[in-house]
Amino acid sequence: MKNNKIYSVLPDGGRKEYDVILTFTNDDNNRDYIVYTDNSKDENGKLKIFASLYNPDTLEFLGNPKTQEEWNKIYRLLDSILLEKQDS
């Protein structure tokens, strides 16, 4: 990610901007993931975070994580990033 931003095209033709939190390859299944946010909050005041499978060469989105194992890996990586920031 060059500028750590990605965009989606809305039905009206507009664009929605997202900030990239992290990208990674899951060595267990050899798939590439992107984790991102639109910086909005949920009903509990927590930051909304999204994750997708993607092709890092074309930046094409390939779908959403489907298994609990995939989501667990994403959660563990996010937790480790938060812990690193707290320690620094």
C-alpha atoms as a PDB file:
ATOM      1  CA  MET A   1       0.000   0.000   0.000  1.00  0.00           C
ATOM      2  CA  LYS A   2       1.663   3.145  -1.174  1.00  0.00           C
ATOM      3  CA  ASN A   3      -0.387   5.695   0.723  1.00  0.00           C
ATOM      4  CA  ASN A   4      -2.231   3.422   3.144  1.00  0.00           C
ATOM      5  CA  LYS A   5      -5.593   4.401   1.659  1.00  0.00           C
ATOM      6  CA  ILE A   6      -8.027   2.329  -0.354  1.00  0.00           C
ATOM      7  CA  TYR A   7     -11.305   3.310  -1.955  1.00  0.00           C
ATOM      8  CA  SER A   8     -14.563   1.617  -2.809  1.00  0.00           C
ATOM      9  CA  VAL A   9     -16.951   2.756  -5.511  1.00  0.00           C
ATOM     10  CA  LEU A  10     -20.427   3.515  -4.191  1.00  0.00           C
ATOM     11  CA  PRO A  11     -23.637   2.729  -6.112  1.00  0.00           C
ATOM     12  CA  ASP A  12     -24.020   6.441  -6.964  1.00  0.00           C
ATOM     13  CA  GLY A  13     -20.534   6.469  -8.495  1.00  0.00           C
ATOM     14  CA  GLY A  14     -18.908   8.244  -5.553  1.00  0.00           C
ATOM     15  CA  ARG A  15     -15.929   6.891  -3.643  1.00  0.00           C
ATOM     16  CA  LYS A  16     -15.563   5.930  -0.009  1.00  0.00           C
ATOM     17  CA  GLU A  17     -12.117   6.203   1.561  1.00  0.00           C
ATOM     18  CA  TYR A  18     -10.651   3.680   3.999  1.00  0.00           C
ATOM     19  CA  ASP A  19      -7.414   3.695   5.985  1.00  0.00           C
ATOM     20  CA  VAL A  20      -5.372   0.502   5.720  1.00  0.00           C
ATOM     21  CA  ILE A  21      -4.429  -0.911   9.121  1.00  0.00           C
ATOM     22  CA  LEU A  22      -2.394  -3.871   7.892  1.00  0.00           C
ATOM     23  CA  THR A  23      -1.831  -6.305   5.082  1.00  0.00           C
ATOM     24  CA  PHE A  24      -0.465  -9.804   5.518  1.00  0.00           C
ATOM     25  CA  THR A  25      -0.134 -13.238   3.982  1.00  0.00           C
ATOM     26  CA  ASN A  26      -1.544 -16.061   6.065  1.00  0.00           C
ATOM     27  CA  ASP A  27       1.101 -18.782   5.881  1.00  0.00           C
ATOM     28  CA  ASP A  28      -1.468 -21.416   6.898  1.00  0.00           C
ATOM     29  CA  ASN A  29      -3.565 -20.974   3.747  1.00  0.00           C
ATOM     30  CA  ASN A  30      -1.282 -18.824   1.539  1.00  0.00           C
ATOM     31  CA  ARG A  31      -3.957 -16.124   1.171  1.00  0.00           C
ATOM     32  CA  ASP A  32      -3.421 -12.371   1.315  1.00  0.00           C
ATOM     33  CA  TYR A  33      -5.541 -10.161   3.557  1.00  0.00           C
ATOM     34  CA  ILE A  34      -6.097  -6.462   3.991  1.00  0.00           C
ATOM     35  CA  VAL A  35      -7.507  -5.006   7.232  1.00  0.00           C
ATOM     36  CA  TYR A  36      -8.940  -1.494   7.029  1.00  0.00           C
ATOM     37  CA  THR A  37     -11.289   1.062   8.612  1.00  0.00           C
ATOM     38  CA  ASP A  38     -13.483   3.956   7.545  1.00  0.00           C
ATOM     39  CA  ASN A  39     -12.856   5.480  10.995  1.00  0.00           C
ATOM     40  CA  SER A  40     -16.526   5.269  11.937  1.00  0.00           C
ATOM     41  CA  LYS A  41     -17.692   3.865  15.276  1.00  0.00           C
ATOM     42  CA  ASP A  42     -20.190   1.134  16.046  1.00  0.00           C
ATOM     43  CA  GLU A  43     -23.097   1.479  18.479  1.00  0.00           C
ATOM     44  CA  ASN A  44     -20.696   0.778  21.374  1.00  0.00           C
ATOM     45  CA  GLY A  45     -18.274   3.510  20.332  1.00  0.00           C
ATOM     46  CA  LYS A  46     -15.666   1.079  19.014  1.00  0.00           C
ATOM     47  CA  LEU A  47     -13.819   1.635  15.746  1.00  0.00           C
ATOM     48  CA  LYS A  48     -15.320  -0.331  12.852  1.00  0.00           C
ATOM     49  CA  ILE A  49     -12.694  -2.581  11.277  1.00  0.00           C
ATOM     50  CA  PHE A  50     -13.105  -4.600   8.087  1.00  0.00           C
ATOM     51  CA  ALA A  51     -11.055  -7.374   6.510  1.00  0.00           C
ATOM     52  CA  SER A  52     -10.934  -8.789   3.003  1.00  0.00           C
ATOM     53  CA  LEU A  53      -8.953 -11.218   0.931  1.00  0.00           C
ATOM     54  CA  TYR A  54      -7.154  -9.416  -1.870  1.00  0.00           C
ATOM     55  CA  ASN A  55      -4.566  -9.750  -4.603  1.00  0.00           C
ATOM     56  CA  PRO A  56      -1.554  -7.630  -3.566  1.00  0.00           C
ATOM     57  CA  ASP A  57      -0.387  -7.311  -7.182  1.00  0.00           C
ATOM     58  CA  THR A  58      -3.633  -5.960  -8.652  1.00  0.00           C
ATOM     59  CA  LEU A  59      -5.284  -4.740  -5.384  1.00  0.00           C
ATOM     60  CA  GLU A  60      -8.396  -6.637  -6.475  1.00  0.00           C
ATOM     61  CA  PHE A  61     -10.700  -7.631  -3.626  1.00  0.00           C
ATOM     62  CA  LEU A  62     -11.415 -11.360  -3.636  1.00  0.00           C
ATOM     63  CA  GLY A  63     -14.011 -11.649  -0.893  1.00  0.00           C
ATOM     64  CA  ASN A  64     -14.281 -11.755   2.868  1.00  0.00           C
ATOM     65  CA  PRO A  65     -12.689 -14.116   5.378  1.00  0.00           C
ATOM     66  CA  LYS A  66     -15.083 -17.029   5.751  1.00  0.00           C
ATOM     67  CA  THR A  67     -13.705 -19.300   8.454  1.00  0.00           C
ATOM     68  CA  GLN A  68     -13.297 -18.733  12.162  1.00  0.00           C
ATOM     69  CA  GLU A  69      -9.622 -19.632  11.798  1.00  0.00           C
ATOM     70  CA  GLU A  70      -9.133 -16.760   9.340  1.00  0.00           C
ATOM     71  CA  TRP A  71     -10.867 -14.307  11.677  1.00  0.00           C
ATOM     72  CA  ASN A  72      -8.867 -15.581  14.681  1.00  0.00           C
ATOM     73  CA  LYS A  73      -5.610 -14.896  12.831  1.00  0.00           C
ATOM     74  CA  ILE A  74      -6.784 -11.364  12.011  1.00  0.00           C
ATOM     75  CA  TYR A  75      -7.822 -10.730  15.639  1.00  0.00           C
ATOM     76  CA  ARG A  76      -4.453 -12.013  16.937  1.00  0.00           C
ATOM     77  CA  LEU A  77      -2.548  -9.716  14.581  1.00  0.00           C
ATOM     78  CA  LEU A  78      -4.665  -6.714  15.577  1.00  0.00           C
ATOM     79  CA  ASP A  79      -4.163  -7.526  19.253  1.00  0.00           C
ATOM     80  CA  SER A  80      -0.387  -7.731  18.782  1.00  0.00           C
ATOM     81  CA  ILE A  81      -0.352  -4.353  17.003  1.00  0.00           C
ATOM     82  CA  LEU A  82      -2.344  -2.765  19.833  1.00  0.00           C
ATOM     83  CA  LEU A  83      -0.025  -4.273  22.436  1.00  0.00           C
ATOM     84  CA  GLU A  84       3.054  -2.965  20.584  1.00  0.00           C
ATOM     85  CA  LYS A  85       1.566   0.548  20.489  1.00  0.00           C
ATOM     86  CA  GLN A  86       0.762   0.421  24.194  1.00  0.00           C
ATOM     87  CA  ASP A  87       4.338  -0.630  25.017  1.00  0.00           C
ATOM     88  CA  SER A  88       5.928   2.155  22.978  1.00  0.00           C
END
